Amino acid sequence: NENQIVNGMSDFDLLNINVYPNPAN
């Protein structure tokens, strides 16, 4: 979609992070 073209954002900005399991033992 047009609003999904992200101008000027770095790779770090677009990095998705997942912490699991959460809670963890």
mmCIF file of all heavy atoms, coordinates in Angstrom:
data_MODEL
# 
_entry.id   MODEL 
# 
loop_
_atom_site.group_PDB 
_atom_site.id 
_atom_site.type_symbol 
_atom_site.label_atom_id 
_atom_site.label_alt_id 
_atom_site.label_comp_id 
_atom_site.label_asym_id 
_atom_site.label_entity_id 
_atom_site.label_seq_id 
_atom_site.pdbx_PDB_ins_code 
_atom_site.Cartn_x 
_atom_site.Cartn_y 
_atom_site.Cartn_z 
_atom_site.occupancy 
_atom_site.B_iso_or_equiv 
_atom_site.pdbx_formal_charge 
_atom_site.auth_seq_id 
_atom_site.auth_comp_id 
_atom_site.auth_asym_id 
_atom_site.auth_atom_id 
_atom_site.pdbx_PDB_model_num 
ATOM 1   N N   . ASN A 1 1  ? 0.851  -1.189  0.000  1.00 0.00 ? 1  ASN A N   1 
ATOM 2   C CA  . ASN A 1 1  ? 0.000  0.000   0.000  1.00 0.00 ? 1  ASN A CA  1 
ATOM 3   C C   . ASN A 1 1  ? 0.885  1.236   0.000  1.00 0.00 ? 1  ASN A C   1 
ATOM 4   O O   . ASN A 1 1  ? 2.016  1.206   0.485  1.00 0.00 ? 1  ASN A O   1 
ATOM 5   C CB  . ASN A 1 1  ? -0.926 0.006   1.212  1.00 0.00 ? 1  ASN A CB  1 
ATOM 6   C CG  . ASN A 1 1  ? -1.958 -1.092  1.132  1.00 0.00 ? 1  ASN A CG  1 
ATOM 7   O OD1 . ASN A 1 1  ? -2.462 -1.382  0.045  1.00 0.00 ? 1  ASN A OD1 1 
ATOM 8   N ND2 . ASN A 1 1  ? -2.260 -1.721  2.253  1.00 0.00 ? 1  ASN A ND2 1 
ATOM 9   N N   . GLU A 1 2  ? 0.366  2.353   -0.508 1.00 0.00 ? 2  GLU A N   1 
ATOM 10  C CA  . GLU A 1 2  ? 1.179  3.563   -0.641 1.00 0.00 ? 2  GLU A CA  1 
ATOM 11  C C   . GLU A 1 2  ? 1.771  3.990   0.694  1.00 0.00 ? 2  GLU A C   1 
ATOM 12  O O   . GLU A 1 2  ? 2.922  4.407   0.766  1.00 0.00 ? 2  GLU A O   1 
ATOM 13  C CB  . GLU A 1 2  ? 0.332  4.692   -1.228 1.00 0.00 ? 2  GLU A CB  1 
ATOM 14  C CG  . GLU A 1 2  ? 1.103  5.984   -1.453 1.00 0.00 ? 2  GLU A CG  1 
ATOM 15  C CD  . GLU A 1 2  ? 2.272  5.805   -2.384 1.00 0.00 ? 2  GLU A CD  1 
ATOM 16  O OE1 . GLU A 1 2  ? 2.207  4.960   -3.303 1.00 0.00 ? 2  GLU A OE1 1 
ATOM 17  O OE2 . GLU A 1 2  ? 3.279  6.498   -2.191 1.00 0.00 ? 2  GLU A OE2 1 
ATOM 18  N N   . ASN A 1 3  ? 0.994  3.860   1.776  1.00 0.00 ? 3  ASN A N   1 
ATOM 19  C CA  . ASN A 1 3  ? 1.514  4.296   3.072  1.00 0.00 ? 3  ASN A CA  1 
ATOM 20  C C   . ASN A 1 3  ? 2.462  3.286   3.702  1.00 0.00 ? 3  ASN A C   1 
ATOM 21  O O   . ASN A 1 3  ? 2.916  3.473   4.821  1.00 0.00 ? 3  ASN A O   1 
ATOM 22  C CB  . ASN A 1 3  ? 0.368  4.593   4.048  1.00 0.00 ? 3  ASN A CB  1 
ATOM 23  C CG  . ASN A 1 3  ? -0.509 3.371   4.273  1.00 0.00 ? 3  ASN A CG  1 
ATOM 24  O OD1 . ASN A 1 3  ? -0.194 2.290   3.786  1.00 0.00 ? 3  ASN A OD1 1 
ATOM 25  N ND2 . ASN A 1 3  ? -1.615 3.563   4.980  1.00 0.00 ? 3  ASN A ND2 1 
ATOM 26  N N   . GLN A 1 4  ? 2.765  2.218   2.959  1.00 0.00 ? 4  GLN A N   1 
ATOM 27  C CA  . GLN A 1 4  ? 3.708  1.234   3.475  1.00 0.00 ? 4  GLN A CA  1 
ATOM 28  C C   . GLN A 1 4  ? 5.104  1.433   2.910  1.00 0.00 ? 4  GLN A C   1 
ATOM 29  O O   . GLN A 1 4  ? 6.006  0.675   3.226  1.00 0.00 ? 4  GLN A O   1 
ATOM 30  C CB  . GLN A 1 4  ? 3.231  -0.182  3.143  1.00 0.00 ? 4  GLN A CB  1 
ATOM 31  C CG  . GLN A 1 4  ? 2.006  -0.583  3.944  1.00 0.00 ? 4  GLN A CG  1 
ATOM 32  C CD  . GLN A 1 4  ? 1.535  -1.950  3.552  1.00 0.00 ? 4  GLN A CD  1 
ATOM 33  O OE1 . GLN A 1 4  ? 1.306  -2.241  2.381  1.00 0.00 ? 4  GLN A OE1 1 
ATOM 34  N NE2 . GLN A 1 4  ? 1.390  -2.819  4.526  1.00 0.00 ? 4  GLN A NE2 1 
ATOM 35  N N   . ILE A 1 5  ? 5.299  2.433   2.031  1.00 0.00 ? 5  ILE A N   1 
ATOM 36  C CA  . ILE A 1 5  ? 6.637  2.752   1.551  1.00 0.00 ? 5  ILE A CA  1 
ATOM 37  C C   . ILE A 1 5  ? 7.240  3.729   2.545  1.00 0.00 ? 5  ILE A C   1 
ATOM 38  O O   . ILE A 1 5  ? 6.769  4.849   2.690  1.00 0.00 ? 5  ILE A O   1 
ATOM 39  C CB  . ILE A 1 5  ? 6.603  3.347   0.140  1.00 0.00 ? 5  ILE A CB  1 
ATOM 40  C CG1 . ILE A 1 5  ? 6.003  2.311   -0.829 1.00 0.00 ? 5  ILE A CG1 1 
ATOM 41  C CG2 . ILE A 1 5  ? 7.989  3.750   -0.299 1.00 0.00 ? 5  ILE A CG2 1 
ATOM 42  C CD1 . ILE A 1 5  ? 5.928  2.808   -2.244 1.00 0.00 ? 5  ILE A CD1 1 
ATOM 43  N N   . VAL A 1 6  ? 8.246  3.283   3.283  1.00 0.00 ? 6  VAL A N   1 
ATOM 44  C CA  . VAL A 1 6  ? 8.774  4.030   4.419  1.00 0.00 ? 6  VAL A CA  1 
ATOM 45  C C   . VAL A 1 6  ? 10.039 4.743   3.998  1.00 0.00 ? 6  VAL A C   1 
ATOM 46  O O   . VAL A 1 6  ? 11.104 4.138   3.887  1.00 0.00 ? 6  VAL A O   1 
ATOM 47  C CB  . VAL A 1 6  ? 9.055  3.097   5.615  1.00 0.00 ? 6  VAL A CB  1 
ATOM 48  C CG1 . VAL A 1 6  ? 9.431  3.915   6.833  1.00 0.00 ? 6  VAL A CG1 1 
ATOM 49  C CG2 . VAL A 1 6  ? 7.833  2.231   5.896  1.00 0.00 ? 6  VAL A CG2 1 
ATOM 50  N N   . ASN A 1 7  ? 9.931  6.039   3.731  1.00 0.00 ? 7  ASN A N   1 
ATOM 51  C CA  . ASN A 1 7  ? 11.070 6.805   3.265  1.00 0.00 ? 7  ASN A CA  1 
ATOM 52  C C   . ASN A 1 7  ? 11.991 7.172   4.423  1.00 0.00 ? 7  ASN A C   1 
ATOM 53  O O   . ASN A 1 7  ? 11.541 7.592   5.490  1.00 0.00 ? 7  ASN A O   1 
ATOM 54  C CB  . ASN A 1 7  ? 10.603 8.091   2.579  1.00 0.00 ? 7  ASN A CB  1 
ATOM 55  C CG  . ASN A 1 7  ? 9.826  7.785   1.311  1.00 0.00 ? 7  ASN A CG  1 
ATOM 56  O OD1 . ASN A 1 7  ? 10.275 7.000   0.491  1.00 0.00 ? 7  ASN A OD1 1 
ATOM 57  N ND2 . ASN A 1 7  ? 8.660  8.388   1.172  1.00 0.00 ? 7  ASN A ND2 1 
ATOM 58  N N   . GLY A 1 8  ? 13.270 7.044   4.208  1.00 0.00 ? 8  GLY A N   1 
ATOM 59  C CA  . GLY A 1 8  ? 14.264 7.522   5.149  1.00 0.00 ? 8  GLY A CA  1 
ATOM 60  C C   . GLY A 1 8  ? 14.441 6.667   6.385  1.00 0.00 ? 8  GLY A C   1 
ATOM 61  O O   . GLY A 1 8  ? 15.189 7.041   7.285  1.00 0.00 ? 8  GLY A O   1 
ATOM 62  N N   . MET A 1 9  ? 13.749 5.527   6.488  1.00 0.00 ? 9  MET A N   1 
ATOM 63  C CA  . MET A 1 9  ? 13.915 4.686   7.674  1.00 0.00 ? 9  MET A CA  1 
ATOM 64  C C   . MET A 1 9  ? 15.074 3.735   7.471  1.00 0.00 ? 9  MET A C   1 
ATOM 65  O O   . MET A 1 9  ? 15.292 3.201   6.383  1.00 0.00 ? 9  MET A O   1 
ATOM 66  C CB  . MET A 1 9  ? 12.629 3.910   7.965  1.00 0.00 ? 9  MET A CB  1 
ATOM 67  C CG  . MET A 1 9  ? 11.463 4.785   8.378  1.00 0.00 ? 9  MET A CG  1 
ATOM 68  S SD  . MET A 1 9  ? 10.040 3.829   8.918  1.00 0.00 ? 9  MET A SD  1 
ATOM 69  C CE  . MET A 1 9  ? 10.627 3.157   10.458 1.00 0.00 ? 9  MET A CE  1 
ATOM 70  N N   . SER A 1 10 ? 15.828 3.501   8.537  1.00 0.00 ? 10 SER A N   1 
ATOM 71  C CA  . SER A 1 10 ? 16.988 2.627   8.467  1.00 0.00 ? 10 SER A CA  1 
ATOM 72  C C   . SER A 1 10 ? 16.557 1.178   8.611  1.00 0.00 ? 10 SER A C   1 
ATOM 73  O O   . SER A 1 10 ? 15.422 0.879   9.007  1.00 0.00 ? 10 SER A O   1 
ATOM 74  C CB  . SER A 1 10 ? 17.974 2.977   9.584  1.00 0.00 ? 10 SER A CB  1 
ATOM 75  O OG  . SER A 1 10 ? 17.414 2.654   10.844 1.00 0.00 ? 10 SER A OG  1 
ATOM 76  N N   . ASP A 1 11 ? 17.467 0.273   8.312  1.00 0.00 ? 11 ASP A N   1 
ATOM 77  C CA  . ASP A 1 11 ? 17.188 -1.144  8.497  1.00 0.00 ? 11 ASP A CA  1 
ATOM 78  C C   . ASP A 1 11 ? 16.885 -1.444  9.962  1.00 0.00 ? 11 ASP A C   1 
ATOM 79  O O   . ASP A 1 11 ? 16.060 -2.303  10.282 1.00 0.00 ? 11 ASP A O   1 
ATOM 80  C CB  . ASP A 1 11 ? 18.382 -1.978  8.021  1.00 0.00 ? 11 ASP A CB  1 
ATOM 81  C CG  . ASP A 1 11 ? 18.559 -1.912  6.517  1.00 0.00 ? 11 ASP A CG  1 
ATOM 82  O OD1 . ASP A 1 11 ? 17.596 -1.559  5.824  1.00 0.00 ? 11 ASP A OD1 1 
ATOM 83  O OD2 . ASP A 1 11 ? 19.669 -2.216  6.038  1.00 0.00 ? 11 ASP A OD2 1 
ATOM 84  N N   . PHE A 1 12 ? 17.549 -0.730  10.859 1.00 0.00 ? 12 PHE A N   1 
ATOM 85  C CA  . PHE A 1 12 ? 17.320 -0.961  12.281 1.00 0.00 ? 12 PHE A CA  1 
ATOM 86  C C   . PHE A 1 12 ? 15.900 -0.562  12.670 1.00 0.00 ? 12 PHE A C   1 
ATOM 87  O O   . PHE A 1 12 ? 15.244 -1.233  13.455 1.00 0.00 ? 12 PHE A O   1 
ATOM 88  C CB  . PHE A 1 12 ? 18.334 -0.172  13.116 1.00 0.00 ? 12 PHE A CB  1 
ATOM 89  C CG  . PHE A 1 12 ? 18.260 -0.481  14.595 1.00 0.00 ? 12 PHE A CG  1 
ATOM 90  C CD1 . PHE A 1 12 ? 18.938 -1.561  15.118 1.00 0.00 ? 12 PHE A CD1 1 
ATOM 91  C CD2 . PHE A 1 12 ? 17.494 0.301   15.444 1.00 0.00 ? 12 PHE A CD2 1 
ATOM 92  C CE1 . PHE A 1 12 ? 18.860 -1.865  16.480 1.00 0.00 ? 12 PHE A CE1 1 
ATOM 93  C CE2 . PHE A 1 12 ? 17.408 0.013   16.804 1.00 0.00 ? 12 PHE A CE2 1 
ATOM 94  C CZ  . PHE A 1 12 ? 18.098 -1.077  17.327 1.00 0.00 ? 12 PHE A CZ  1 
ATOM 95  N N   . ASP A 1 13 ? 15.394 0.536   12.084 1.00 0.00 ? 13 ASP A N   1 
ATOM 96  C CA  . ASP A 1 13 ? 14.035 0.979   12.378 1.00 0.00 ? 13 ASP A CA  1 
ATOM 97  C C   . ASP A 1 13 ? 13.010 -0.084  11.987 1.00 0.00 ? 13 ASP A C   1 
ATOM 98  O O   . ASP A 1 13 ? 11.973 -0.235  12.634 1.00 0.00 ? 13 ASP A O   1 
ATOM 99  C CB  . ASP A 1 13 ? 13.718 2.280   11.642 1.00 0.00 ? 13 ASP A CB  1 
ATOM 100 C CG  . ASP A 1 13 ? 14.573 3.443   12.131 1.00 0.00 ? 13 ASP A CG  1 
ATOM 101 O OD1 . ASP A 1 13 ? 14.879 3.481   13.332 1.00 0.00 ? 13 ASP A OD1 1 
ATOM 102 O OD2 . ASP A 1 13 ? 14.937 4.301   11.305 1.00 0.00 ? 13 ASP A OD2 1 
ATOM 103 N N   . LEU A 1 14 ? 13.304 -0.788  10.908 1.00 0.00 ? 14 LEU A N   1 
ATOM 104 C CA  . LEU A 1 14 ? 12.354 -1.776  10.378 1.00 0.00 ? 14 LEU A CA  1 
ATOM 105 C C   . LEU A 1 14 ? 12.564 -3.169  10.945 1.00 0.00 ? 14 LEU A C   1 
ATOM 106 O O   . LEU A 1 14 ? 11.875 -4.105  10.568 1.00 0.00 ? 14 LEU A O   1 
ATOM 107 C CB  . LEU A 1 14 ? 12.475 -1.822  8.850  1.00 0.00 ? 14 LEU A CB  1 
ATOM 108 C CG  . LEU A 1 14 ? 12.134 -0.511  8.140  1.00 0.00 ? 14 LEU A CG  1 
ATOM 109 C CD1 . LEU A 1 14 ? 12.509 -0.603  6.674  1.00 0.00 ? 14 LEU A CD1 1 
ATOM 110 C CD2 . LEU A 1 14 ? 10.679 -0.173  8.306  1.00 0.00 ? 14 LEU A CD2 1 
ATOM 111 N N   . LEU A 1 15 ? 13.520 -3.297  11.870 1.00 0.00 ? 15 LEU A N   1 
ATOM 112 C CA  . LEU A 1 15 ? 13.842 -4.602  12.445 1.00 0.00 ? 15 LEU A CA  1 
ATOM 113 C C   . LEU A 1 15 ? 12.750 -5.023  13.423 1.00 0.00 ? 15 LEU A C   1 
ATOM 114 O O   . LEU A 1 15 ? 12.436 -4.298  14.379 1.00 0.00 ? 15 LEU A O   1 
ATOM 115 C CB  . LEU A 1 15 ? 15.196 -4.517  13.163 1.00 0.00 ? 15 LEU A CB  1 
ATOM 116 C CG  . LEU A 1 15 ? 15.837 -5.818  13.624 1.00 0.00 ? 15 LEU A CG  1 
ATOM 117 C CD1 . LEU A 1 15 ? 16.208 -6.678  12.416 1.00 0.00 ? 15 LEU A CD1 1 
ATOM 118 C CD2 . LEU A 1 15 ? 17.074 -5.524  14.463 1.00 0.00 ? 15 LEU A CD2 1 
ATOM 119 N N   . ASN A 1 16 ? 12.148 -6.172  13.180 1.00 0.00 ? 16 ASN A N   1 
ATOM 120 C CA  . ASN A 1 16 ? 11.145 -6.721  14.095 1.00 0.00 ? 16 ASN A CA  1 
ATOM 121 C C   . ASN A 1 16 ? 11.810 -7.694  15.048 1.00 0.00 ? 16 ASN A C   1 
ATOM 122 O O   . ASN A 1 16 ? 12.610 -8.555  14.622 1.00 0.00 ? 16 ASN A O   1 
ATOM 123 C CB  . ASN A 1 16 ? 10.036 -7.430  13.313 1.00 0.00 ? 16 ASN A CB  1 
ATOM 124 C CG  . ASN A 1 16 ? 9.214  -6.462  12.486 1.00 0.00 ? 16 ASN A CG  1 
ATOM 125 O OD1 . ASN A 1 16 ? 8.922  -5.363  12.929 1.00 0.00 ? 16 ASN A OD1 1 
ATOM 126 N ND2 . ASN A 1 16 ? 8.846  -6.875  11.275 1.00 0.00 ? 16 ASN A ND2 1 
ATOM 127 N N   . ILE A 1 17 ? 11.494 -7.565  16.353 1.00 0.00 ? 17 ILE A N   1 
ATOM 128 C CA  . ILE A 1 17 ? 12.143 -8.365  17.397 1.00 0.00 ? 17 ILE A CA  1 
ATOM 129 C C   . ILE A 1 17 ? 11.085 -9.148  18.147 1.00 0.00 ? 17 ILE A C   1 
ATOM 130 O O   . ILE A 1 17 ? 10.034 -8.613  18.505 1.00 0.00 ? 17 ILE A O   1 
ATOM 131 C CB  . ILE A 1 17 ? 12.929 -7.456  18.374 1.00 0.00 ? 17 ILE A CB  1 
ATOM 132 C CG1 . ILE A 1 17 ? 13.982 -6.644  17.602 1.00 0.00 ? 17 ILE A CG1 1 
ATOM 133 C CG2 . ILE A 1 17 ? 13.593 -8.273  19.472 1.00 0.00 ? 17 ILE A CG2 1 
ATOM 134 C CD1 . ILE A 1 17 ? 14.591 -5.519  18.414 1.00 0.00 ? 17 ILE A CD1 1 
ATOM 135 N N   . ASN A 1 18 ? 11.362 -10.417 18.392 1.00 0.00 ? 18 ASN A N   1 
ATOM 136 C CA  . ASN A 1 18 ? 10.444 -11.287 19.127 1.00 0.00 ? 18 ASN A CA  1 
ATOM 137 C C   . ASN A 1 18 ? 11.191 -11.942 20.284 1.00 0.00 ? 18 ASN A C   1 
ATOM 138 O O   . ASN A 1 18 ? 12.216 -12.611 20.063 1.00 0.00 ? 18 ASN A O   1 
ATOM 139 C CB  . ASN A 1 18 ? 9.864  -12.344 18.186 1.00 0.00 ? 18 ASN A CB  1 
ATOM 140 C CG  . ASN A 1 18 ? 8.808  -13.198 18.866 1.00 0.00 ? 18 ASN A CG  1 
ATOM 141 O OD1 . ASN A 1 18 ? 8.184  -12.777 19.832 1.00 0.00 ? 18 ASN A OD1 1 
ATOM 142 N ND2 . ASN A 1 18 ? 8.616  -14.411 18.361 1.00 0.00 ? 18 ASN A ND2 1 
ATOM 143 N N   . VAL A 1 19 ? 10.732 -11.725 21.515 1.00 0.00 ? 19 VAL A N   1 
ATOM 144 C CA  . VAL A 1 19 ? 11.330 -12.321 22.713 1.00 0.00 ? 19 VAL A CA  1 
ATOM 145 C C   . VAL A 1 19 ? 10.403 -13.436 23.186 1.00 0.00 ? 19 VAL A C   1 
ATOM 146 O O   . VAL A 1 19 ? 9.228  -13.190 23.492 1.00 0.00 ? 19 VAL A O   1 
ATOM 147 C CB  . VAL A 1 19 ? 11.516 -11.258 23.823 1.00 0.00 ? 19 VAL A CB  1 
ATOM 148 C CG1 . VAL A 1 19 ? 12.089 -11.908 25.084 1.00 0.00 ? 19 VAL A CG1 1 
ATOM 149 C CG2 . VAL A 1 19 ? 12.434 -10.136 23.338 1.00 0.00 ? 19 VAL A CG2 1 
ATOM 150 N N   . TYR A 1 20 ? 10.917 -14.664 23.264 1.00 0.00 ? 20 TYR A N   1 
ATOM 151 C CA  . TYR A 1 20 ? 10.068 -15.800 23.626 1.00 0.00 ? 20 TYR A CA  1 
ATOM 152 C C   . TYR A 1 20 ? 10.915 -16.923 24.234 1.00 0.00 ? 20 TYR A C   1 
ATOM 153 O O   . TYR A 1 20 ? 12.114 -17.006 23.966 1.00 0.00 ? 20 TYR A O   1 
ATOM 154 C CB  . TYR A 1 20 ? 9.317  -16.302 22.392 1.00 0.00 ? 20 TYR A CB  1 
ATOM 155 C CG  . TYR A 1 20 ? 10.216 -16.927 21.334 1.00 0.00 ? 20 TYR A CG  1 
ATOM 156 C CD1 . TYR A 1 20 ? 10.401 -18.306 21.266 1.00 0.00 ? 20 TYR A CD1 1 
ATOM 157 C CD2 . TYR A 1 20 ? 10.903 -16.120 20.423 1.00 0.00 ? 20 TYR A CD2 1 
ATOM 158 C CE1 . TYR A 1 20 ? 11.240 -18.876 20.320 1.00 0.00 ? 20 TYR A CE1 1 
ATOM 159 C CE2 . TYR A 1 20 ? 11.739 -16.674 19.462 1.00 0.00 ? 20 TYR A CE2 1 
ATOM 160 C CZ  . TYR A 1 20 ? 11.902 -18.049 19.427 1.00 0.00 ? 20 TYR A CZ  1 
ATOM 161 O OH  . TYR A 1 20 ? 12.739 -18.607 18.493 1.00 0.00 ? 20 TYR A OH  1 
ATOM 162 N N   . PRO A 1 21 ? 10.359 -17.814 25.042 1.00 0.00 ? 21 PRO A N   1 
ATOM 163 C CA  . PRO A 1 21 ? 9.028  -17.661 25.634 1.00 0.00 ? 21 PRO A CA  1 
ATOM 164 C C   . PRO A 1 21 ? 9.020  -16.512 26.628 1.00 0.00 ? 21 PRO A C   1 
ATOM 165 O O   . PRO A 1 21 ? 10.076 -16.148 27.162 1.00 0.00 ? 21 PRO A O   1 
ATOM 166 C CB  . PRO A 1 21 ? 8.802  -19.005 26.327 1.00 0.00 ? 21 PRO A CB  1 
ATOM 167 C CG  . PRO A 1 21 ? 10.178 -19.492 26.644 1.00 0.00 ? 21 PRO A CG  1 
ATOM 168 C CD  . PRO A 1 21 ? 11.063 -19.025 25.527 1.00 0.00 ? 21 PRO A CD  1 
ATOM 169 N N   . ASN A 1 22 ? 7.885  -15.969 26.840 1.00 0.00 ? 22 ASN A N   1 
ATOM 170 C CA  . ASN A 1 22 ? 7.769  -14.827 27.753 1.00 0.00 ? 22 ASN A CA  1 
ATOM 171 C C   . ASN A 1 22 ? 6.402  -14.893 28.443 1.00 0.00 ? 22 ASN A C   1 
ATOM 172 O O   . ASN A 1 22 ? 5.391  -14.665 27.776 1.00 0.00 ? 22 ASN A O   1 
ATOM 173 C CB  . ASN A 1 22 ? 7.906  -13.518 26.981 1.00 0.00 ? 22 ASN A CB  1 
ATOM 174 C CG  . ASN A 1 22 ? 8.101  -12.316 27.869 1.00 0.00 ? 22 ASN A CG  1 
ATOM 175 O OD1 . ASN A 1 22 ? 8.189  -12.447 29.088 1.00 0.00 ? 22 ASN A OD1 1 
ATOM 176 N ND2 . ASN A 1 22 ? 8.168  -11.133 27.261 1.00 0.00 ? 22 ASN A ND2 1 
ATOM 177 N N   . PRO A 1 23 ? 6.368  -15.296 29.716 1.00 0.00 ? 23 PRO A N   1 
ATOM 178 C CA  . PRO A 1 23 ? 7.450  -15.503 30.680 1.00 0.00 ? 23 PRO A CA  1 
ATOM 179 C C   . PRO A 1 23 ? 8.335  -16.696 30.312 1.00 0.00 ? 23 PRO A C   1 
ATOM 180 O O   . PRO A 1 23 ? 7.898  -17.615 29.625 1.00 0.00 ? 23 PRO A O   1 
ATOM 181 C CB  . PRO A 1 23 ? 6.718  -15.759 31.993 1.00 0.00 ? 23 PRO A CB  1 
ATOM 182 C CG  . PRO A 1 23 ? 5.320  -15.226 31.778 1.00 0.00 ? 23 PRO A CG  1 
ATOM 183 C CD  . PRO A 1 23 ? 5.025  -15.441 30.345 1.00 0.00 ? 23 PRO A CD  1 
ATOM 184 N N   . ALA A 1 24 ? 9.598  -16.642 30.820 1.00 0.00 ? 24 ALA A N   1 
ATOM 185 C CA  . ALA A 1 24 ? 10.574 -17.698 30.574 1.00 0.00 ? 24 ALA A CA  1 
ATOM 186 C C   . ALA A 1 24 ? 11.103 -18.221 31.895 1.00 0.00 ? 24 ALA A C   1 
ATOM 187 O O   . ALA A 1 24 ? 11.093 -17.512 32.913 1.00 0.00 ? 24 ALA A O   1 
ATOM 188 C CB  . ALA A 1 24 ? 11.720 -17.162 29.715 1.00 0.00 ? 24 ALA A CB  1 
ATOM 189 N N   . ASN A 1 25 ? 11.604 -19.455 31.867 1.00 0.00 ? 25 ASN A N   1 
ATOM 190 C CA  . ASN A 1 25 ? 12.108 -20.075 33.096 1.00 0.00 ? 25 ASN A CA  1 
ATOM 191 C C   . ASN A 1 25 ? 13.615 -20.267 33.061 1.00 0.00 ? 25 ASN A C   1 
ATOM 192 O O   . ASN A 1 25 ? 14.335 -19.823 33.955 1.00 0.00 ? 25 ASN A O   1 
ATOM 193 C CB  . ASN A 1 25 ? 11.412 -21.418 33.322 1.00 0.00 ? 25 ASN A CB  1 
ATOM 194 C CG  . ASN A 1 25 ? 11.828 -22.068 34.625 1.00 0.00 ? 25 ASN A CG  1 
ATOM 195 O OD1 . ASN A 1 25 ? 12.180 -21.370 35.579 1.00 0.00 ? 25 ASN A OD1 1 
ATOM 196 N ND2 . ASN A 1 25 ? 11.802 -23.388 34.676 1.00 0.00 ? 25 ASN A ND2 1 
# 
